[in-house]
Amino acid sequence: MVKALILIADGTEEMEFTIAYDTLIRAGIECTSAFIPRGLSPYGSSDTSPPLAVCSRQVKILPDITLDPLSAGPEKYDALIIPGGMGGAVTMAESTEVQNLVRSYYNHPEKRTIGMICAGSKVAITAKLPGQPITSHPSVQSEFPEHFEYKEQSVVVSAVPGKATLVTSRGPGTAFPFVFTLIELLCGKDKRDEVVGPMIFPSSTTGYPF
């Protein structure tokens, strides 16, 4: 079974988190949410009960686990998903554990998939990923160094040979095409179409069919 690890922190954008988690489940992907504490290393912690994550609009979500980098690597999961929301994105971008985790997925010999949406794309900067096509919420566009090829597109897919496929997106309004792209990469176009149909998007929806 395909498995995905989805990160969450205080300040995470709840639509970007829940749309990704829910829609991946619909595709038959086993999802685990991992809480990222702010300023506290999970190494050596004996506390296995994650706190409620208070999201950007004060929605409270109970994560499945608190991040343990030693059991969260690309040997255990096929995809790593990083939602936005400025508060959560800053916590993740500043976390050494998250930076190392992103690099481990990116460089894993068995090709993995990394998804970043909205301000979550900031992690590509702090993890020091090589320059490639990328997008984000417009509010953080100016933070990307020139070696990134910034694109103002709803979803950007970057496939560097021998590295993880990096999928980036812009914000809550692009969360569905973002996750449908992830499903197609992980499970194929037929599975993507199978998931999209029963969700009954209005034909007037921008970008539909996704």
N, C-alpha and C. Protein backbone atom coordinates (compact mmCIF):
# COMPACT_ATOMS: atom_id res chain seq x y z
N MET A 1 0.83 -1.20 0.00
CA MET A 1 0.00 0.00 0.00
C MET A 1 0.87 1.25 0.00
N VAL A 2 0.46 2.25 -0.78
CA VAL A 2 1.16 3.53 -0.81
C VAL A 2 0.91 4.25 0.51
N LYS A 3 1.98 4.86 1.06
CA LYS A 3 1.87 5.54 2.35
C LYS A 3 2.37 6.98 2.23
N ALA A 4 1.67 7.88 2.92
CA ALA A 4 2.07 9.29 2.91
C ALA A 4 2.16 9.82 4.33
N LEU A 5 3.17 10.63 4.57
CA LEU A 5 3.35 11.32 5.85
C LEU A 5 3.01 12.79 5.63
N ILE A 6 2.05 13.30 6.41
CA ILE A 6 1.61 14.69 6.27
C ILE A 6 1.96 15.43 7.55
N LEU A 7 2.74 16.50 7.43
CA LEU A 7 3.17 17.25 8.60
C LEU A 7 2.12 18.28 9.00
N ILE A 8 2.06 18.59 10.30
CA ILE A 8 1.14 19.58 10.83
C ILE A 8 1.79 20.25 12.03
N ALA A 9 1.49 21.53 12.23
CA ALA A 9 2.01 22.28 13.36
C ALA A 9 0.97 23.32 13.76
N ASP A 10 1.17 23.96 14.89
CA ASP A 10 0.32 25.10 15.22
C ASP A 10 0.44 26.13 14.10
N GLY A 11 -0.70 26.62 13.61
CA GLY A 11 -0.68 27.60 12.53
C GLY A 11 -0.77 27.03 11.15
N THR A 12 -0.84 25.70 11.02
CA THR A 12 -1.02 25.08 9.70
C THR A 12 -2.37 25.48 9.11
N GLU A 13 -2.41 25.67 7.80
CA GLU A 13 -3.65 26.01 7.11
C GLU A 13 -4.52 24.76 7.07
N GLU A 14 -5.68 24.81 7.73
CA GLU A 14 -6.48 23.62 7.91
C GLU A 14 -7.06 23.06 6.62
N MET A 15 -7.43 23.91 5.67
CA MET A 15 -7.95 23.40 4.40
C MET A 15 -6.87 22.61 3.66
N GLU A 16 -5.66 23.14 3.62
CA GLU A 16 -4.59 22.47 2.89
C GLU A 16 -4.25 21.13 3.54
N PHE A 17 -4.30 21.08 4.86
CA PHE A 17 -4.03 19.82 5.56
C PHE A 17 -5.16 18.82 5.34
N THR A 18 -6.40 19.22 5.63
CA THR A 18 -7.50 18.26 5.60
C THR A 18 -7.85 17.81 4.18
N ILE A 19 -7.77 18.72 3.21
CA ILE A 19 -8.06 18.32 1.83
C ILE A 19 -7.04 17.30 1.35
N ALA A 20 -5.77 17.52 1.70
CA ALA A 20 -4.74 16.54 1.31
C ALA A 20 -4.98 15.20 2.00
N TYR A 21 -5.18 15.23 3.31
CA TYR A 21 -5.34 13.99 4.09
C TYR A 21 -6.56 13.22 3.60
N ASP A 22 -7.71 13.87 3.55
CA ASP A 22 -8.96 13.23 3.18
C ASP A 22 -8.91 12.66 1.76
N THR A 23 -8.41 13.45 0.82
CA THR A 23 -8.45 13.02 -0.58
C THR A 23 -7.46 11.89 -0.85
N LEU A 24 -6.32 11.92 -0.19
CA LEU A 24 -5.38 10.80 -0.33
C LEU A 24 -5.99 9.51 0.21
N ILE A 25 -6.72 9.61 1.33
CA ILE A 25 -7.40 8.43 1.88
C ILE A 25 -8.41 7.88 0.87
N ARG A 26 -9.13 8.75 0.19
CA ARG A 26 -10.09 8.32 -0.82
C ARG A 26 -9.42 7.52 -1.94
N ALA A 27 -8.15 7.81 -2.17
CA ALA A 27 -7.40 7.10 -3.21
C ALA A 27 -6.79 5.80 -2.69
N GLY A 28 -7.06 5.46 -1.44
CA GLY A 28 -6.51 4.23 -0.88
C GLY A 28 -5.11 4.37 -0.35
N ILE A 29 -4.65 5.61 -0.16
CA ILE A 29 -3.30 5.85 0.36
C ILE A 29 -3.37 5.92 1.88
N GLU A 30 -2.50 5.19 2.54
CA GLU A 30 -2.45 5.19 4.00
C GLU A 30 -1.74 6.45 4.48
N CYS A 31 -2.45 7.29 5.23
CA CYS A 31 -1.90 8.58 5.66
C CYS A 31 -1.61 8.60 7.15
N THR A 32 -0.51 9.25 7.52
CA THR A 32 -0.16 9.49 8.91
C THR A 32 0.15 10.97 9.05
N SER A 33 -0.47 11.61 10.04
CA SER A 33 -0.15 13.02 10.30
C SER A 33 0.83 13.09 11.46
N ALA A 34 1.84 13.94 11.31
CA ALA A 34 2.89 14.05 12.32
C ALA A 34 3.01 15.50 12.79
N PHE A 35 2.88 15.70 14.11
CA PHE A 35 2.95 17.03 14.69
C PHE A 35 4.39 17.49 14.83
N ILE A 36 4.66 18.74 14.45
CA ILE A 36 5.99 19.33 14.58
C ILE A 36 5.96 20.34 15.72
N PRO A 37 6.58 20.03 16.85
CA PRO A 37 6.62 21.00 17.95
C PRO A 37 7.47 22.20 17.58
N ARG A 38 7.10 23.37 18.06
CA ARG A 38 7.89 24.56 17.75
C ARG A 38 9.03 24.71 18.76
N GLY A 39 10.25 24.67 18.25
CA GLY A 39 11.41 24.94 19.09
C GLY A 39 11.82 23.80 19.98
N LEU A 40 11.15 22.65 19.88
CA LEU A 40 11.50 21.51 20.73
C LEU A 40 11.85 20.32 19.86
N SER A 41 13.01 19.74 20.10
CA SER A 41 13.41 18.57 19.33
C SER A 41 12.68 17.34 19.83
N PRO A 42 12.10 16.54 18.91
CA PRO A 42 11.45 15.30 19.34
C PRO A 42 12.44 14.20 19.69
N TYR A 43 13.74 14.40 19.44
CA TYR A 43 14.72 13.37 19.79
C TYR A 43 14.74 13.15 21.29
N GLY A 44 14.64 11.89 21.69
CA GLY A 44 14.75 11.56 23.10
C GLY A 44 13.49 11.78 23.90
N SER A 45 12.40 12.23 23.23
CA SER A 45 11.17 12.48 23.96
C SER A 45 10.45 11.16 24.26
N SER A 46 9.93 11.05 25.47
CA SER A 46 9.16 9.85 25.84
C SER A 46 7.67 10.09 25.70
N ASP A 47 7.28 11.31 25.34
CA ASP A 47 5.87 11.67 25.21
C ASP A 47 5.39 11.28 23.82
N THR A 48 4.59 10.23 23.74
CA THR A 48 4.13 9.74 22.44
C THR A 48 2.75 10.25 22.08
N SER A 49 2.12 11.07 22.95
CA SER A 49 0.79 11.60 22.68
C SER A 49 0.90 13.02 22.16
N PRO A 50 0.63 13.24 20.87
CA PRO A 50 0.78 14.58 20.32
C PRO A 50 -0.30 15.51 20.85
N PRO A 51 0.00 16.80 21.02
CA PRO A 51 -1.00 17.76 21.44
C PRO A 51 -1.92 18.11 20.26
N LEU A 52 -3.03 18.74 20.55
CA LEU A 52 -3.87 19.24 19.48
C LEU A 52 -3.12 20.33 18.72
N ALA A 53 -3.17 20.27 17.41
CA ALA A 53 -2.61 21.35 16.59
C ALA A 53 -3.69 22.41 16.43
N VAL A 54 -3.36 23.66 16.79
CA VAL A 54 -4.29 24.77 16.63
C VAL A 54 -3.96 25.44 15.30
N CYS A 55 -4.84 25.25 14.33
CA CYS A 55 -4.55 25.67 12.96
C CYS A 55 -4.77 27.17 12.77
N SER A 56 -4.55 27.64 11.55
CA SER A 56 -4.51 29.07 11.28
C SER A 56 -5.83 29.78 11.56
N ARG A 57 -6.96 29.07 11.44
CA ARG A 57 -8.27 29.64 11.73
C ARG A 57 -8.83 29.06 13.03
N GLN A 58 -7.95 28.61 13.90
CA GLN A 58 -8.28 28.12 15.24
C GLN A 58 -9.01 26.78 15.24
N VAL A 59 -9.08 26.10 14.09
CA VAL A 59 -9.57 24.73 14.07
C VAL A 59 -8.54 23.84 14.75
N LYS A 60 -8.99 22.96 15.62
CA LYS A 60 -8.07 22.09 16.36
C LYS A 60 -8.10 20.68 15.78
N ILE A 61 -6.93 20.15 15.47
CA ILE A 61 -6.80 18.83 14.86
C ILE A 61 -5.86 17.97 15.72
N LEU A 62 -6.27 16.75 15.96
CA LEU A 62 -5.43 15.82 16.72
C LEU A 62 -4.56 15.02 15.76
N PRO A 63 -3.26 15.28 15.72
CA PRO A 63 -2.38 14.52 14.83
C PRO A 63 -2.28 13.06 15.26
N ASP A 64 -1.88 12.21 14.33
CA ASP A 64 -1.71 10.79 14.63
C ASP A 64 -0.52 10.55 15.55
N ILE A 65 0.57 11.28 15.30
CA ILE A 65 1.81 11.08 16.05
C ILE A 65 2.52 12.41 16.20
N THR A 66 3.48 12.47 17.11
CA THR A 66 4.47 13.54 17.11
C THR A 66 5.65 13.07 16.27
N LEU A 67 6.21 13.95 15.48
CA LEU A 67 7.29 13.55 14.57
C LEU A 67 8.44 12.87 15.31
N ASP A 68 8.77 11.69 14.86
CA ASP A 68 9.98 10.99 15.27
C ASP A 68 10.78 10.78 13.99
N PRO A 69 11.79 11.59 13.73
CA PRO A 69 12.50 11.51 12.46
C PRO A 69 13.07 10.13 12.15
N LEU A 70 13.37 9.36 13.20
CA LEU A 70 13.97 8.05 12.97
C LEU A 70 12.97 7.04 12.39
N SER A 71 11.68 7.31 12.55
CA SER A 71 10.67 6.40 12.01
C SER A 71 9.78 7.07 10.97
N ALA A 72 10.23 8.20 10.46
CA ALA A 72 9.41 8.97 9.52
C ALA A 72 10.06 9.10 8.15
N GLY A 73 11.11 8.33 7.91
CA GLY A 73 11.89 8.50 6.70
C GLY A 73 11.31 7.86 5.46
N PRO A 74 12.00 8.03 4.35
CA PRO A 74 11.53 7.51 3.05
C PRO A 74 11.55 6.00 2.96
N GLU A 75 12.12 5.32 3.93
CA GLU A 75 12.02 3.87 3.96
C GLU A 75 10.62 3.42 4.40
N LYS A 76 9.91 4.32 5.11
CA LYS A 76 8.59 3.98 5.65
C LYS A 76 7.44 4.56 4.83
N TYR A 77 7.69 5.66 4.14
CA TYR A 77 6.63 6.36 3.42
C TYR A 77 7.06 6.65 1.98
N ASP A 78 6.06 6.71 1.10
CA ASP A 78 6.31 7.00 -0.31
C ASP A 78 6.26 8.49 -0.61
N ALA A 79 5.58 9.24 0.25
CA ALA A 79 5.40 10.67 0.00
C ALA A 79 5.46 11.45 1.31
N LEU A 80 5.97 12.66 1.22
CA LEU A 80 6.03 13.60 2.33
C LEU A 80 5.28 14.85 1.92
N ILE A 81 4.26 15.25 2.70
CA ILE A 81 3.41 16.37 2.34
C ILE A 81 3.56 17.47 3.39
N ILE A 82 3.80 18.70 2.92
CA ILE A 82 3.99 19.84 3.81
C ILE A 82 2.97 20.93 3.45
N PRO A 83 1.94 21.09 4.29
CA PRO A 83 0.95 22.13 4.02
C PRO A 83 1.47 23.51 4.41
N GLY A 84 0.70 24.53 4.04
CA GLY A 84 1.09 25.89 4.37
C GLY A 84 0.40 26.40 5.63
N GLY A 85 0.04 27.69 5.59
CA GLY A 85 -0.33 28.40 6.80
C GLY A 85 0.95 28.98 7.36
N MET A 86 1.05 30.30 7.43
CA MET A 86 2.35 30.92 7.73
C MET A 86 2.94 30.44 9.05
N GLY A 87 2.12 30.36 10.10
CA GLY A 87 2.67 29.94 11.39
C GLY A 87 3.26 28.55 11.35
N GLY A 88 2.51 27.61 10.77
CA GLY A 88 3.01 26.24 10.67
C GLY A 88 4.18 26.12 9.74
N ALA A 89 4.15 26.87 8.63
CA ALA A 89 5.23 26.80 7.65
C ALA A 89 6.54 27.31 8.23
N VAL A 90 6.47 28.36 9.04
CA VAL A 90 7.69 28.88 9.66
C VAL A 90 8.26 27.85 10.63
N THR A 91 7.39 27.21 11.42
CA THR A 91 7.86 26.17 12.34
C THR A 91 8.56 25.05 11.58
N MET A 92 7.95 24.61 10.49
CA MET A 92 8.55 23.52 9.72
C MET A 92 9.84 23.95 9.03
N ALA A 93 9.83 25.16 8.47
CA ALA A 93 11.01 25.64 7.75
C ALA A 93 12.21 25.82 8.68
N GLU A 94 11.93 26.16 9.94
CA GLU A 94 13.02 26.38 10.90
C GLU A 94 13.45 25.11 11.62
N SER A 95 12.71 24.03 11.43
CA SER A 95 13.01 22.77 12.12
C SER A 95 14.14 22.01 11.42
N THR A 96 15.22 21.78 12.15
CA THR A 96 16.34 21.00 11.60
C THR A 96 15.87 19.60 11.24
N GLU A 97 14.99 19.03 12.07
CA GLU A 97 14.49 17.69 11.80
C GLU A 97 13.72 17.64 10.48
N VAL A 98 12.88 18.65 10.24
CA VAL A 98 12.12 18.69 8.98
C VAL A 98 13.05 18.92 7.80
N GLN A 99 13.99 19.80 7.94
CA GLN A 99 14.95 20.04 6.85
C GLN A 99 15.68 18.75 6.47
N ASN A 100 16.16 18.03 7.48
CA ASN A 100 16.86 16.77 7.21
C ASN A 100 15.93 15.73 6.59
N LEU A 101 14.68 15.72 7.06
CA LEU A 101 13.70 14.77 6.53
C LEU A 101 13.44 15.04 5.06
N VAL A 102 13.27 16.29 4.70
CA VAL A 102 13.04 16.65 3.29
C VAL A 102 14.21 16.22 2.43
N ARG A 103 15.42 16.48 2.89
CA ARG A 103 16.60 16.07 2.11
C ARG A 103 16.68 14.55 1.96
N SER A 104 16.29 13.82 3.01
CA SER A 104 16.35 12.36 2.92
C SER A 104 15.35 11.83 1.89
N TYR A 105 14.18 12.43 1.82
CA TYR A 105 13.20 12.03 0.80
C TYR A 105 13.70 12.43 -0.58
N TYR A 106 14.24 13.61 -0.68
CA TYR A 106 14.66 14.12 -1.99
C TYR A 106 15.78 13.27 -2.59
N ASN A 107 16.67 12.79 -1.75
CA ASN A 107 17.85 12.06 -2.23
C ASN A 107 17.72 10.54 -2.15
N HIS A 108 16.56 10.03 -1.74
CA HIS A 108 16.42 8.59 -1.57
C HIS A 108 16.53 7.87 -2.91
N PRO A 109 17.28 6.76 -2.96
CA PRO A 109 17.49 6.07 -4.25
C PRO A 109 16.21 5.50 -4.86
N GLU A 110 15.23 5.15 -4.01
CA GLU A 110 13.92 4.74 -4.53
C GLU A 110 13.07 6.00 -4.61
N LYS A 111 12.79 6.42 -5.83
CA LYS A 111 12.20 7.73 -6.06
C LYS A 111 10.96 7.98 -5.20
N ARG A 112 10.96 9.08 -4.47
CA ARG A 112 9.86 9.46 -3.61
C ARG A 112 9.18 10.72 -4.16
N THR A 113 8.08 11.11 -3.51
CA THR A 113 7.34 12.30 -3.90
C THR A 113 7.25 13.23 -2.70
N ILE A 114 7.53 14.51 -2.93
CA ILE A 114 7.42 15.54 -1.90
C ILE A 114 6.40 16.57 -2.38
N GLY A 115 5.42 16.85 -1.54
CA GLY A 115 4.43 17.87 -1.86
C GLY A 115 4.53 19.03 -0.89
N MET A 116 4.54 20.25 -1.42
CA MET A 116 4.56 21.46 -0.59
C MET A 116 3.53 22.43 -1.18
N ILE A 117 2.71 23.02 -0.31
CA ILE A 117 1.70 23.94 -0.79
C ILE A 117 1.73 25.24 0.01
N CYS A 118 1.45 26.34 -0.67
CA CYS A 118 1.33 27.65 -0.03
C CYS A 118 2.69 28.03 0.58
N ALA A 119 2.69 28.54 1.81
CA ALA A 119 3.94 28.90 2.46
C ALA A 119 4.77 27.68 2.83
N GLY A 120 4.19 26.48 2.74
CA GLY A 120 4.95 25.27 3.00
C GLY A 120 6.14 25.11 2.07
N SER A 121 6.06 25.77 0.90
CA SER A 121 7.19 25.69 -0.04
C SER A 121 8.45 26.35 0.50
N LYS A 122 8.33 27.15 1.58
CA LYS A 122 9.50 27.75 2.21
C LYS A 122 10.50 26.68 2.65
N VAL A 123 10.01 25.48 2.94
CA VAL A 123 10.90 24.42 3.42
C VAL A 123 11.91 24.04 2.34
N ALA A 124 11.55 24.22 1.07
CA ALA A 124 12.50 23.93 -0.01
C ALA A 124 13.72 24.83 0.09
N ILE A 125 13.53 26.04 0.62
CA ILE A 125 14.64 26.98 0.77
C ILE A 125 15.53 26.55 1.93
N THR A 126 14.93 26.33 3.10
CA THR A 126 15.74 26.03 4.29
C THR A 126 16.36 24.64 4.23
N ALA A 127 15.71 23.73 3.47
CA ALA A 127 16.29 22.39 3.29
C ALA A 127 17.38 22.40 2.23
N LYS A 128 17.56 23.56 1.60
CA LYS A 128 18.61 23.75 0.60
C LYS A 128 18.47 22.78 -0.58
N LEU A 129 17.21 22.64 -1.05
CA LEU A 129 17.02 21.86 -2.26
C LEU A 129 17.61 22.61 -3.45
N PRO A 130 18.10 21.90 -4.45
CA PRO A 130 18.69 22.56 -5.61
C PRO A 130 17.64 23.33 -6.40
N GLY A 131 18.09 24.30 -7.18
CA GLY A 131 17.19 25.10 -7.99
C GLY A 131 16.40 24.26 -8.97
N GLN A 132 15.12 24.58 -9.09
CA GLN A 132 14.20 23.86 -9.97
C GLN A 132 12.90 24.63 -10.04
N PRO A 133 12.00 24.26 -10.93
CA PRO A 133 10.70 24.94 -10.98
C PRO A 133 9.95 24.78 -9.67
N ILE A 134 9.29 25.86 -9.22
CA ILE A 134 8.62 25.85 -7.92
C ILE A 134 7.55 26.93 -7.89
N THR A 135 6.57 26.78 -7.01
CA THR A 135 5.61 27.84 -6.76
C THR A 135 5.26 27.85 -5.29
N SER A 136 4.47 28.86 -4.88
CA SER A 136 4.11 29.03 -3.47
C SER A 136 2.98 30.05 -3.40
N HIS A 137 2.57 30.37 -2.19
CA HIS A 137 1.67 31.51 -2.01
C HIS A 137 2.42 32.78 -2.42
N PRO A 138 1.72 33.71 -3.08
CA PRO A 138 2.42 34.94 -3.52
C PRO A 138 3.09 35.70 -2.38
N SER A 139 2.60 35.56 -1.16
CA SER A 139 3.16 36.32 -0.04
C SER A 139 4.60 35.95 0.29
N VAL A 140 5.05 34.77 -0.14
CA VAL A 140 6.42 34.36 0.15
C VAL A 140 7.27 34.24 -1.12
N GLN A 141 6.73 34.66 -2.25
CA GLN A 141 7.45 34.54 -3.52
C GLN A 141 8.81 35.21 -3.48
N SER A 142 8.89 36.38 -2.84
CA SER A 142 10.14 37.15 -2.83
C SER A 142 11.24 36.47 -2.03
N GLU A 143 10.90 35.46 -1.24
CA GLU A 143 11.91 34.79 -0.42
C GLU A 143 12.73 33.76 -1.19
N PHE A 144 12.28 33.39 -2.40
CA PHE A 144 12.97 32.33 -3.14
C PHE A 144 14.19 32.87 -3.85
N PRO A 145 15.35 32.23 -3.61
CA PRO A 145 16.57 32.66 -4.30
C PRO A 145 16.43 32.53 -5.82
N GLU A 146 17.28 33.22 -6.52
CA GLU A 146 17.18 33.26 -7.98
C GLU A 146 17.39 31.91 -8.63
N HIS A 147 18.07 30.98 -7.94
CA HIS A 147 18.33 29.70 -8.59
C HIS A 147 17.07 28.84 -8.70
N PHE A 148 15.99 29.21 -7.99
CA PHE A 148 14.71 28.55 -8.21
C PHE A 148 14.01 29.20 -9.41
N GLU A 149 13.36 28.39 -10.20
CA GLU A 149 12.60 28.89 -11.36
C GLU A 149 11.15 29.07 -10.92
N TYR A 150 10.85 30.25 -10.42
CA TYR A 150 9.52 30.48 -9.83
C TYR A 150 8.46 30.61 -10.91
N LYS A 151 7.32 29.92 -10.70
CA LYS A 151 6.23 29.93 -11.66
C LYS A 151 4.92 30.29 -10.97
N GLU A 152 4.13 31.13 -11.60
CA GLU A 152 2.82 31.51 -11.06
C GLU A 152 1.76 30.59 -11.65
N GLN A 153 1.85 29.32 -11.31
CA GLN A 153 0.92 28.29 -11.77
C GLN A 153 0.28 27.62 -10.56
N SER A 154 -0.92 27.06 -10.76
CA SER A 154 -1.63 26.43 -9.65
C SER A 154 -0.85 25.26 -9.06
N VAL A 155 -0.26 24.46 -9.93
CA VAL A 155 0.53 23.31 -9.50
C VAL A 155 1.77 23.23 -10.38
N VAL A 156 2.92 23.03 -9.77
CA VAL A 156 4.17 22.89 -10.50
C VAL A 156 4.80 21.56 -10.12
N VAL A 157 5.15 20.76 -11.11
CA VAL A 157 5.78 19.46 -10.89
C VAL A 157 7.22 19.54 -11.40
N SER A 158 8.16 19.22 -10.53
CA SER A 158 9.57 19.22 -10.89
C SER A 158 10.13 17.81 -10.70
N ALA A 159 10.63 17.24 -11.78
CA ALA A 159 11.15 15.87 -11.73
C ALA A 159 12.62 15.89 -12.17
N VAL A 160 13.51 16.03 -11.22
CA VAL A 160 14.94 15.99 -11.49
C VAL A 160 15.38 14.53 -11.53
N PRO A 161 16.07 14.09 -12.57
CA PRO A 161 16.47 12.68 -12.66
C PRO A 161 17.23 12.22 -11.41
N GLY A 162 16.82 11.07 -10.89
CA GLY A 162 17.49 10.49 -9.74
C GLY A 162 17.11 11.10 -8.40
N LYS A 163 16.16 12.04 -8.41
CA LYS A 163 15.73 12.69 -7.17
C LYS A 163 14.21 12.54 -7.01
N ALA A 164 13.71 12.93 -5.85
CA ALA A 164 12.27 12.88 -5.62
C ALA A 164 11.56 13.85 -6.56
N THR A 165 10.32 13.53 -6.88
CA THR A 165 9.48 14.47 -7.62
C THR A 165 8.93 15.48 -6.64
N LEU A 166 9.14 16.77 -6.93
CA LEU A 166 8.68 17.85 -6.07
C LEU A 166 7.43 18.47 -6.69
N VAL A 167 6.33 18.45 -5.93
CA VAL A 167 5.07 19.04 -6.37
C VAL A 167 4.77 20.22 -5.46
N THR A 168 4.62 21.41 -6.04
CA THR A 168 4.32 22.60 -5.24
C THR A 168 3.04 23.25 -5.75
N SER A 169 2.39 24.00 -4.85
CA SER A 169 1.13 24.64 -5.20
C SER A 169 0.99 25.93 -4.42
N ARG A 170 -0.13 26.68 -4.63
CA ARG A 170 -0.18 28.08 -4.23
C ARG A 170 -0.96 28.40 -2.96
N GLY A 171 -2.06 27.70 -2.70
CA GLY A 171 -2.85 28.08 -1.54
C GLY A 171 -4.09 27.23 -1.38
N PRO A 172 -4.99 27.59 -0.44
CA PRO A 172 -6.19 26.79 -0.20
C PRO A 172 -7.01 26.54 -1.46
N GLY A 173 -7.10 27.54 -2.33
CA GLY A 173 -7.90 27.39 -3.54
C GLY A 173 -7.32 26.43 -4.56
N THR A 174 -6.05 26.08 -4.41
CA THR A 174 -5.42 25.12 -5.34
C THR A 174 -5.16 23.78 -4.67
N ALA A 175 -5.75 23.58 -3.48
CA ALA A 175 -5.49 22.35 -2.72
C ALA A 175 -5.99 21.10 -3.44
N PHE A 176 -7.14 21.20 -4.12
CA PHE A 176 -7.65 20.02 -4.82
C PHE A 176 -6.77 19.63 -6.02
N PRO A 177 -6.46 20.56 -6.94
CA PRO A 177 -5.57 20.14 -8.03
C PRO A 177 -4.21 19.68 -7.54
N PHE A 178 -3.75 20.24 -6.42
CA PHE A 178 -2.49 19.81 -5.81
C PHE A 178 -2.55 18.34 -5.42
N VAL A 179 -3.60 17.96 -4.65
CA VAL A 179 -3.68 16.58 -4.18
C VAL A 179 -4.03 15.62 -5.31
N PHE A 180 -4.79 16.06 -6.31
CA PHE A 180 -5.07 15.18 -7.44
C PHE A 180 -3.79 14.89 -8.22
N THR A 181 -2.91 15.87 -8.31
CA THR A 181 -1.61 15.64 -8.96
C THR A 181 -0.80 14.61 -8.17
N LEU A 182 -0.81 14.72 -6.85
CA LEU A 182 -0.10 13.74 -6.02
C LEU A 182 -0.66 12.34 -6.23
N ILE A 183 -1.98 12.23 -6.28
CA ILE A 183 -2.61 10.92 -6.47
C ILE A 183 -2.19 10.33 -7.81
N GLU A 184 -2.18 11.14 -8.85
CA GLU A 184 -1.79 10.62 -10.17
C GLU A 184 -0.34 10.13 -10.15
N LEU A 185 0.53 10.87 -9.49
CA LEU A 185 1.94 10.46 -9.42
C LEU A 185 2.11 9.18 -8.61
N LEU A 186 1.34 9.05 -7.53
CA LEU A 186 1.52 7.91 -6.63
C LEU A 186 0.74 6.67 -7.07
N CYS A 187 -0.42 6.89 -7.71
CA CYS A 187 -1.33 5.76 -7.98
C CYS A 187 -1.79 5.66 -9.43
N GLY A 188 -1.47 6.65 -10.25
CA GLY A 188 -1.85 6.60 -11.66
C GLY A 188 -3.08 7.44 -11.98
N LYS A 189 -3.23 7.75 -13.27
CA LYS A 189 -4.32 8.61 -13.72
C LYS A 189 -5.68 7.98 -13.50
N ASP A 190 -5.80 6.66 -13.67
CA ASP A 190 -7.10 6.01 -13.48
C ASP A 190 -7.60 6.20 -12.05
N LYS A 191 -6.71 6.08 -11.08
CA LYS A 191 -7.10 6.27 -9.68
C LYS A 191 -7.49 7.73 -9.43
N ARG A 192 -6.74 8.64 -10.00
CA ARG A 192 -7.08 10.06 -9.88
C ARG A 192 -8.50 10.31 -10.39
N ASP A 193 -8.80 9.80 -11.59
CA ASP A 193 -10.13 10.01 -12.17
C ASP A 193 -11.22 9.35 -11.32
N GLU A 194 -10.90 8.20 -10.75
CA GLU A 194 -11.85 7.48 -9.90
C GLU A 194 -12.20 8.31 -8.66
N VAL A 195 -11.22 9.03 -8.13
CA VAL A 195 -11.45 9.85 -6.94
C VAL A 195 -12.18 11.14 -7.29
N VAL A 196 -11.82 11.77 -8.40
CA VAL A 196 -12.40 13.07 -8.77
C VAL A 196 -13.90 12.95 -9.04
N GLY A 197 -14.31 11.92 -9.78
CA GLY A 197 -15.69 11.81 -10.24
C GLY A 197 -16.74 11.93 -9.15
N PRO A 198 -16.71 11.07 -8.12
CA PRO A 198 -17.74 11.10 -7.08
C PRO A 198 -17.74 12.37 -6.23
N MET A 199 -16.70 13.20 -6.32
CA MET A 199 -16.66 14.41 -5.52
C MET A 199 -17.55 15.51 -6.11
N ILE A 200 -18.01 15.34 -7.35
CA ILE A 200 -19.02 16.20 -7.98
C ILE A 200 -18.63 17.68 -7.95
N PHE A 201 -17.51 17.99 -8.58
CA PHE A 201 -17.16 19.40 -8.73
C PHE A 201 -18.07 20.05 -9.78
N PRO A 202 -18.56 21.27 -9.54
CA PRO A 202 -19.34 21.96 -10.57
C PRO A 202 -18.50 22.15 -11.83
N SER A 203 -19.12 22.00 -12.99
CA SER A 203 -18.37 22.14 -14.24
C SER A 203 -17.78 23.53 -14.41
N SER A 204 -18.33 24.51 -13.68
CA SER A 204 -17.84 25.90 -13.77
C SER A 204 -16.63 26.15 -12.87
N THR A 205 -16.23 25.13 -12.08
CA THR A 205 -15.09 25.31 -11.18
C THR A 205 -13.83 25.64 -11.97
N THR A 206 -13.10 26.68 -11.53
CA THR A 206 -11.88 27.08 -12.23
C THR A 206 -10.90 25.92 -12.32
N GLY A 207 -10.47 25.64 -13.54
CA GLY A 207 -9.49 24.58 -13.73
C GLY A 207 -10.09 23.20 -13.89
N TYR A 208 -11.41 23.06 -13.73
CA TYR A 208 -12.03 21.73 -13.85
C TYR A 208 -12.19 21.38 -15.32
N PRO A 209 -11.95 20.11 -15.76
CA PRO A 209 -11.52 19.00 -14.91
C PRO A 209 -10.06 19.12 -14.51
N PHE A 210 -9.79 18.79 -13.26
CA PHE A 210 -8.42 18.95 -12.74
C PHE A 210 -7.48 17.95 -13.38
